[in-house]
Amino acid sequence: MSNFIDELMKTYGRDMSSHISKNLGLSSKTVKKIIPHIVPVILGGLKKQKDEKGGIENVEHILNKFGGSNIFDNISDLFKDKAKDENPDPNLGGLLGDSGDTAAMAIAKKFNIDGIVAKKLIAMVAPVIFGALIKKKNDEGLGVAGISALLDRDGDGSILDDVAGFLGGAFNKSGSKGAGLVGNILGGIFGKKNK
C-alpha cells in the first residue's frame, strides 16, 4: 500500500493538491497532507468489497464504474463538479458504509477544516484513486490478482496492519498501539477496533 500511495502522490499529488485547493479554498500544502489519510480508507473499502461482497470482480466493477483511466484527461473539470456538490457523499454510494462520514469528521477535526469540505475531499479523491488503480493494472498487466495484492500488501488478508506499517506512527504520536486516525476508521469498516 505504501508504494501505491507514494506513486500516487508522486504522479498526481501536485496536480490534485493544486486543483483541489483552488476549488475548496484550502492551501495546497494542507490538501497534500490530507490525501494520504484518504487513500487507505478507500482501499480498505475496496478490500471489504472483495472479501465480503463479491470478490475481486466486484472491485473491478466499482473501479470501472466510478473511476476509469480516462479520468486523468480532464481532472480539473472533475474537481470543479465535485466541489459544486452541496450534498457530497463521503460514503461513496455505500462503498465505505458509514465510515466515509467518520473519516470526514476525523479529517475535519485533525486539520481544522469544515466538515462539508472534508466530505468533498473524499468524494474528489476517490475517482482519482480508482483511476490510478485501473491505470496501474492496465500499464503493468497486473490482472485481478495484482489488484488484490495491492489491497493486501503482506498477503495475510488484513489491511489494518498494512496501514499501520505505512503510517509508521506518523498519525499516532501518543505512543499507543494502532494506526491512529486512519486505523480507527478502518477498524470501523472491518468491524474491528485497534487496541
C-alpha atoms as a PDB file:
ATOM      1  CA  MET A   1       0.000   0.000   0.000  1.00  0.00           C
ATOM      2  CA  SER A   2       2.768   2.408   0.880  1.00  0.00           C
ATOM      3  CA  ASN A   3       4.253   2.030  -2.592  1.00  0.00           C
ATOM      4  CA  PHE A   4       0.882   2.767  -4.191  1.00  0.00           C
ATOM      5  CA  ILE A   5       0.388   5.875  -2.051  1.00  0.00           C
ATOM      6  CA  ASP A   6       3.925   7.039  -2.782  1.00  0.00           C
ATOM      7  CA  GLU A   7       3.377   6.530  -6.527  1.00  0.00           C
ATOM      8  CA  LEU A   8       0.013   8.271  -6.414  1.00  0.00           C
ATOM      9  CA  MET A   9       1.421  11.313  -4.639  1.00  0.00           C
ATOM     10  CA  LYS A  10       4.498  11.461  -6.852  1.00  0.00           C
ATOM     11  CA  THR A  11       2.500  11.204 -10.080  1.00  0.00           C
ATOM     12  CA  TYR A  12      -0.706  13.050  -9.243  1.00  0.00           C
ATOM     13  CA  GLY A  13      -0.194  14.654  -5.840  1.00  0.00           C
ATOM     14  CA  ARG A  14       0.878  18.048  -7.138  1.00  0.00           C
ATOM     15  CA  ASP A  15      -1.968  18.372  -9.644  1.00  0.00           C
ATOM     16  CA  MET A  16      -4.552  17.045  -7.203  1.00  0.00           C
ATOM     17  CA  SER A  17      -3.421  19.381  -4.440  1.00  0.00           C
ATOM     18  CA  SER A  18      -3.358  22.387  -6.758  1.00  0.00           C
ATOM     19  CA  HIS A  19      -6.795  21.819  -8.311  1.00  0.00           C
ATOM     20  CA  ILE A  20      -8.469  20.811  -5.043  1.00  0.00           C
ATOM     21  CA  SER A  21      -7.044  23.792  -3.167  1.00  0.00           C
ATOM     22  CA  LYS A  22      -8.354  26.197  -5.812  1.00  0.00           C
ATOM     23  CA  ASN A  23     -11.825  24.685  -5.697  1.00  0.00           C
ATOM     24  CA  LEU A  24     -12.157  24.272  -1.943  1.00  0.00           C
ATOM     25  CA  GLY A  25     -10.219  27.283  -0.700  1.00  0.00           C
ATOM     26  CA  LEU A  26      -7.619  25.250   1.158  1.00  0.00           C
ATOM     27  CA  SER A  27      -3.867  25.590   0.895  1.00  0.00           C
ATOM     28  CA  SER A  28      -2.271  23.040  -1.433  1.00  0.00           C
ATOM     29  CA  LYS A  29       0.079  22.126   1.418  1.00  0.00           C
ATOM     30  CA  THR A  30      -2.872  21.147   3.607  1.00  0.00           C
ATOM     31  CA  VAL A  31      -4.509  19.159   0.821  1.00  0.00           C
ATOM     32  CA  LYS A  32      -1.261  17.310   0.176  1.00  0.00           C
ATOM     33  CA  LYS A  33      -1.177  16.275   3.840  1.00  0.00           C
ATOM     34  CA  ILE A  34      -4.795  15.126   3.834  1.00  0.00           C
ATOM     35  CA  ILE A  35      -4.764  12.928   0.709  1.00  0.00           C
ATOM     36  CA  PRO A  36      -2.609  10.132   2.232  1.00  0.00           C
ATOM     37  CA  HIS A  37      -5.216   9.827   5.002  1.00  0.00           C
ATOM     38  CA  ILE A  38      -7.964   9.254   2.461  1.00  0.00           C
ATOM     39  CA  VAL A  39      -6.232   6.659   0.270  1.00  0.00           C
ATOM     40  CA  PRO A  40      -6.028   3.811   2.856  1.00  0.00           C
ATOM     41  CA  VAL A  41      -9.665   4.318   3.836  1.00  0.00           C
ATOM     42  CA  ILE A  42     -10.820   3.918   0.234  1.00  0.00           C
ATOM     43  CA  LEU A  43      -8.524   0.933  -0.357  1.00  0.00           C
ATOM     44  CA  GLY A  44      -9.934  -0.558   2.840  1.00  0.00           C
ATOM     45  CA  GLY A  45     -13.441  -0.170   1.458  1.00  0.00           C
ATOM     46  CA  LEU A  46     -12.397  -1.887  -1.757  1.00  0.00           C
ATOM     47  CA  LYS A  47     -10.849  -4.734   0.187  1.00  0.00           C
ATOM     48  CA  LYS A  48     -14.046  -5.240   2.145  1.00  0.00           C
ATOM     49  CA  GLN A  49     -15.956  -5.343  -1.138  1.00  0.00           C
ATOM     50  CA  LYS A  50     -13.551  -8.011  -2.368  1.00  0.00           C
ATOM     51  CA  ASP A  51     -13.696 -10.099   0.784  1.00  0.00           C
ATOM     52  CA  GLU A  52     -17.365  -9.816   1.685  1.00  0.00           C
ATOM     53  CA  LYS A  53     -19.401  -8.567  -1.252  1.00  0.00           C
ATOM     54  CA  GLY A  54     -18.449 -10.467  -4.381  1.00  0.00           C
ATOM     55  CA  GLY A  55     -14.758 -10.958  -4.882  1.00  0.00           C
ATOM     56  CA  ILE A  56     -12.234  -9.098  -6.982  1.00  0.00           C
ATOM     57  CA  GLU A  57     -14.680  -8.968  -9.905  1.00  0.00           C
ATOM     58  CA  ASN A  58     -16.859  -6.646  -7.830  1.00  0.00           C
ATOM     59  CA  VAL A  59     -13.840  -4.450  -7.164  1.00  0.00           C
ATOM     60  CA  GLU A  60     -13.170  -4.221 -10.896  1.00  0.00           C
ATOM     61  CA  HIS A  61     -16.802  -3.251 -11.464  1.00  0.00           C
ATOM     62  CA  ILE A  62     -16.505  -0.457  -8.883  1.00  0.00           C
ATOM     63  CA  LEU A  63     -13.249   0.804 -10.366  1.00  0.00           C
ATOM     64  CA  ASN A  64     -14.665   0.917 -13.871  1.00  0.00           C
ATOM     65  CA  LYS A  65     -17.944   2.469 -12.767  1.00  0.00           C
ATOM     66  CA  PHE A  66     -16.527   5.280 -10.648  1.00  0.00           C
ATOM     67  CA  GLY A  67     -13.019   5.696 -11.984  1.00  0.00           C
ATOM     68  CA  GLY A  68     -11.733   4.777 -15.376  1.00  0.00           C
ATOM     69  CA  SER A  69      -8.206   5.553 -16.554  1.00  0.00           C
ATOM     70  CA  ASN A  70      -9.570   8.343 -18.771  1.00  0.00           C
ATOM     71  CA  ILE A  71     -10.333  10.342 -15.644  1.00  0.00           C
ATOM     72  CA  PHE A  72      -6.921  11.963 -15.951  1.00  0.00           C
ATOM     73  CA  ASP A  73      -7.832  13.503 -19.317  1.00  0.00           C
ATOM     74  CA  ASN A  74      -9.794  16.275 -17.606  1.00  0.00           C
ATOM     75  CA  ILE A  75      -9.179  16.140 -13.889  1.00  0.00           C
ATOM     76  CA  SER A  76      -9.758  19.870 -13.392  1.00  0.00           C
ATOM     77  CA  ASP A  77     -13.402  19.631 -14.547  1.00  0.00           C
ATOM     78  CA  LEU A  78     -13.948  16.601 -12.311  1.00  0.00           C
ATOM     79  CA  PHE A  79     -12.829  18.565  -9.266  1.00  0.00           C
ATOM     80  CA  LYS A  80     -14.906  21.606 -10.246  1.00  0.00           C
ATOM     81  CA  ASP A  81     -18.037  19.454 -10.485  1.00  0.00           C
ATOM     82  CA  LYS A  82     -17.354  17.696  -7.182  1.00  0.00           C
ATOM     83  CA  ALA A  83     -16.639  20.999  -5.448  1.00  0.00           C
ATOM     84  CA  LYS A  84     -20.057  22.356  -6.507  1.00  0.00           C
ATOM     85  CA  ASP A  85     -21.888  19.394  -4.975  1.00  0.00           C
ATOM     86  CA  GLU A  86     -23.828  20.718  -1.987  1.00  0.00           C
ATOM     87  CA  ASN A  87     -24.511  17.216  -0.673  1.00  0.00           C
ATOM     88  CA  PRO A  88     -21.269  15.261  -1.138  1.00  0.00           C
ATOM     89  CA  ASP A  89     -21.290  11.539  -0.397  1.00  0.00           C
ATOM     90  CA  PRO A  90     -18.136  10.554   1.521  1.00  0.00           C
ATOM     91  CA  ASN A  91     -19.517   7.015   1.876  1.00  0.00           C
ATOM     92  CA  LEU A  92     -19.144   6.666  -1.909  1.00  0.00           C
ATOM     93  CA  GLY A  93     -22.512   5.086  -2.572  1.00  0.00           C
ATOM     94  CA  GLY A  94     -22.150   2.577   0.243  1.00  0.00           C
ATOM     95  CA  LEU A  95     -18.596   1.513  -0.570  1.00  0.00           C
ATOM     96  CA  LEU A  96     -17.377   2.722   2.819  1.00  0.00           C
ATOM     97  CA  GLY A  97     -20.563   2.096   4.786  1.00  0.00           C
ATOM     98  CA  ASP A  98     -20.795   4.863   7.387  1.00  0.00           C
ATOM     99  CA  SER A  99     -17.020   5.079   7.620  1.00  0.00           C
ATOM    100  CA  GLY A 100     -16.832   7.795   4.972  1.00  0.00           C
ATOM    101  CA  ASP A 101     -18.735  10.115   7.290  1.00  0.00           C
ATOM    102  CA  THR A 102     -16.490   9.043  10.163  1.00  0.00           C
ATOM    103  CA  ALA A 103     -13.393   9.710   8.074  1.00  0.00           C
ATOM    104  CA  ALA A 104     -14.680  13.137   7.027  1.00  0.00           C
ATOM    105  CA  MET A 105     -15.349  14.120  10.641  1.00  0.00           C
ATOM    106  CA  ALA A 106     -11.944  12.891  11.768  1.00  0.00           C
ATOM    107  CA  ILE A 107     -10.148  14.710   8.938  1.00  0.00           C
ATOM    108  CA  ALA A 108     -12.114  17.902   9.593  1.00  0.00           C
ATOM    109  CA  LYS A 109     -11.124  17.802  13.256  1.00  0.00           C
ATOM    110  CA  LYS A 110      -7.486  16.909  12.654  1.00  0.00           C
ATOM    111  CA  PHE A 111      -6.901  19.584  10.024  1.00  0.00           C
ATOM    112  CA  ASN A 112      -9.349  22.164  11.375  1.00  0.00           C
ATOM    113  CA  ILE A 113     -11.422  22.357   8.203  1.00  0.00           C
ATOM    114  CA  ASP A 114     -15.161  22.456   7.576  1.00  0.00           C
ATOM    115  CA  GLY A 115     -16.937  19.092   7.660  1.00  0.00           C
ATOM    116  CA  ILE A 116     -18.597  19.591   4.270  1.00  0.00           C
ATOM    117  CA  VAL A 117     -15.197  20.427   2.782  1.00  0.00           C
ATOM    118  CA  ALA A 118     -13.791  17.197   4.239  1.00  0.00           C
ATOM    119  CA  LYS A 119     -16.665  15.242   2.677  1.00  0.00           C
ATOM    120  CA  LYS A 120     -15.986  16.888  -0.674  1.00  0.00           C
ATOM    121  CA  LEU A 121     -12.314  15.966  -0.384  1.00  0.00           C
ATOM    122  CA  ILE A 122     -13.126  12.271  -0.057  1.00  0.00           C
ATOM    123  CA  ALA A 123     -15.558  12.435  -2.988  1.00  0.00           C
ATOM    124  CA  MET A 124     -12.945  14.254  -5.092  1.00  0.00           C
ATOM    125  CA  VAL A 125     -10.006  11.999  -4.302  1.00  0.00           C
ATOM    126  CA  ALA A 126     -11.849   8.678  -4.697  1.00  0.00           C
ATOM    127  CA  PRO A 127     -12.231   8.726  -8.521  1.00  0.00           C
ATOM    128  CA  VAL A 128      -8.534   9.561  -8.854  1.00  0.00           C
ATOM    129  CA  ILE A 129      -7.613   6.557  -6.707  1.00  0.00           C
ATOM    130  CA  PHE A 130      -9.902   4.311  -8.749  1.00  0.00           C
ATOM    131  CA  GLY A 131      -8.458   5.668 -11.993  1.00  0.00           C
ATOM    132  CA  ALA A 132      -4.899   5.216 -10.758  1.00  0.00           C
ATOM    133  CA  LEU A 133      -5.613   1.597  -9.813  1.00  0.00           C
ATOM    134  CA  ILE A 134      -7.060   0.892 -13.260  1.00  0.00           C
ATOM    135  CA  LYS A 135      -4.141   2.617 -14.978  1.00  0.00           C
ATOM    136  CA  LYS A 136      -1.646   0.665 -12.876  1.00  0.00           C
ATOM    137  CA  LYS A 137      -3.476  -2.567 -13.654  1.00  0.00           C
ATOM    138  CA  ASN A 138      -3.509  -1.835 -17.404  1.00  0.00           C
ATOM    139  CA  ASP A 139       0.017  -0.438 -17.680  1.00  0.00           C
ATOM    140  CA  GLU A 140       1.618  -3.212 -15.665  1.00  0.00           C
ATOM    141  CA  GLY A 141      -0.676  -6.037 -16.751  1.00  0.00           C
ATOM    142  CA  LEU A 142      -1.490  -6.801 -13.151  1.00  0.00           C
ATOM    143  CA  GLY A 143      -4.795  -8.564 -13.697  1.00  0.00           C
ATOM    144  CA  VAL A 144      -7.236  -9.198 -10.881  1.00  0.00           C
ATOM    145  CA  ALA A 145      -4.598 -10.877  -8.743  1.00  0.00           C
ATOM    146  CA  GLY A 146      -2.448  -7.765  -8.951  1.00  0.00           C
ATOM    147  CA  ILE A 147      -5.230  -5.532  -7.691  1.00  0.00           C
ATOM    148  CA  SER A 148      -5.908  -7.986  -4.896  1.00  0.00           C
ATOM    149  CA  ALA A 149      -2.261  -7.824  -3.883  1.00  0.00           C
ATOM    150  CA  LEU A 150      -2.379  -4.032  -3.799  1.00  0.00           C
ATOM    151  CA  LEU A 151      -5.258  -4.199  -1.341  1.00  0.00           C
ATOM    152  CA  ASP A 152      -3.368  -6.525   0.977  1.00  0.00           C
ATOM    153  CA  ARG A 153       0.343  -5.820   0.821  1.00  0.00           C
ATOM    154  CA  ASP A 154       1.610  -8.629   3.013  1.00  0.00           C
ATOM    155  CA  GLY A 155      -0.928 -11.221   1.876  1.00  0.00           C
ATOM    156  CA  ASP A 156      -2.337 -12.031   5.301  1.00  0.00           C
ATOM    157  CA  GLY A 157      -5.858 -10.909   4.489  1.00  0.00           C
ATOM    158  CA  SER A 158      -5.762  -7.868   6.748  1.00  0.00           C
ATOM    159  CA  ILE A 159      -5.382  -4.327   5.509  1.00  0.00           C
ATOM    160  CA  LEU A 160      -5.200  -2.928   9.046  1.00  0.00           C
ATOM    161  CA  ASP A 161      -1.609  -3.932   9.675  1.00  0.00           C
ATOM    162  CA  ASP A 162      -0.664  -2.798   6.163  1.00  0.00           C
ATOM    163  CA  VAL A 163      -1.965   0.653   7.020  1.00  0.00           C
ATOM    164  CA  ALA A 164      -0.208   0.623  10.365  1.00  0.00           C
ATOM    165  CA  GLY A 165       3.030  -0.260   8.599  1.00  0.00           C
ATOM    166  CA  PHE A 166       2.586   2.560   6.115  1.00  0.00           C
ATOM    167  CA  LEU A 167       1.728   5.148   8.745  1.00  0.00           C
ATOM    168  CA  GLY A 168       4.683   4.179  10.877  1.00  0.00           C
ATOM    169  CA  GLY A 169       3.329   6.130  13.832  1.00  0.00           C
ATOM    170  CA  ALA A 170       3.137   9.383  11.888  1.00  0.00           C
ATOM    171  CA  PHE A 171      -0.549   9.767  12.684  1.00  0.00           C
ATOM    172  CA  ASN A 172      -0.371   8.457  16.218  1.00  0.00           C
ATOM    173  CA  LYS A 173       2.228  10.312  18.187  1.00  0.00           C
ATOM    174  CA  SER A 174       0.815   9.387  21.581  1.00  0.00           C
ATOM    175  CA  GLY A 175       2.835   6.186  21.615  1.00  0.00           C
ATOM    176  CA  SER A 176      -0.248   3.990  21.885  1.00  0.00           C
ATOM    177  CA  LYS A 177      -0.675   0.947  19.700  1.00  0.00           C
ATOM    178  CA  GLY A 178      -2.618   1.043  16.448  1.00  0.00           C
ATOM    179  CA  ALA A 179      -2.625   3.289  13.429  1.00  0.00           C
ATOM    180  CA  GLY A 180      -4.344   6.326  14.885  1.00  0.00           C
ATOM    181  CA  LEU A 181      -6.942   8.183  12.840  1.00  0.00           C
ATOM    182  CA  VAL A 182      -6.903   6.020   9.723  1.00  0.00           C
ATOM    183  CA  GLY A 183      -6.502   2.761  11.606  1.00  0.00           C
ATOM    184  CA  ASN A 184      -9.517   3.512  13.776  1.00  0.00           C
ATOM    185  CA  ILE A 185     -11.627   4.320  10.715  1.00  0.00           C
ATOM    186  CA  LEU A 186     -10.539   1.103   9.022  1.00  0.00           C
ATOM    187  CA  GLY A 187     -11.341  -0.750  12.214  1.00  0.00           C
ATOM    188  CA  GLY A 188     -14.883   0.546  11.810  1.00  0.00           C
ATOM    189  CA  ILE A 189     -15.040  -0.588   8.196  1.00  0.00           C
ATOM    190  CA  PHE A 190     -13.993  -4.113   9.119  1.00  0.00           C
ATOM    191  CA  GLY A 191     -15.833  -4.281  12.418  1.00  0.00           C
ATOM    192  CA  LYS A 192     -12.604  -4.324  14.423  1.00  0.00           C
ATOM    193  CA  LYS A 193     -11.134  -1.966  16.941  1.00  0.00           C
ATOM    194  CA  ASN A 194      -7.494  -1.155  17.377  1.00  0.00           C
ATOM    195  CA  LYS A 195      -6.248  -1.879  20.840  1.00  0.00           C
END
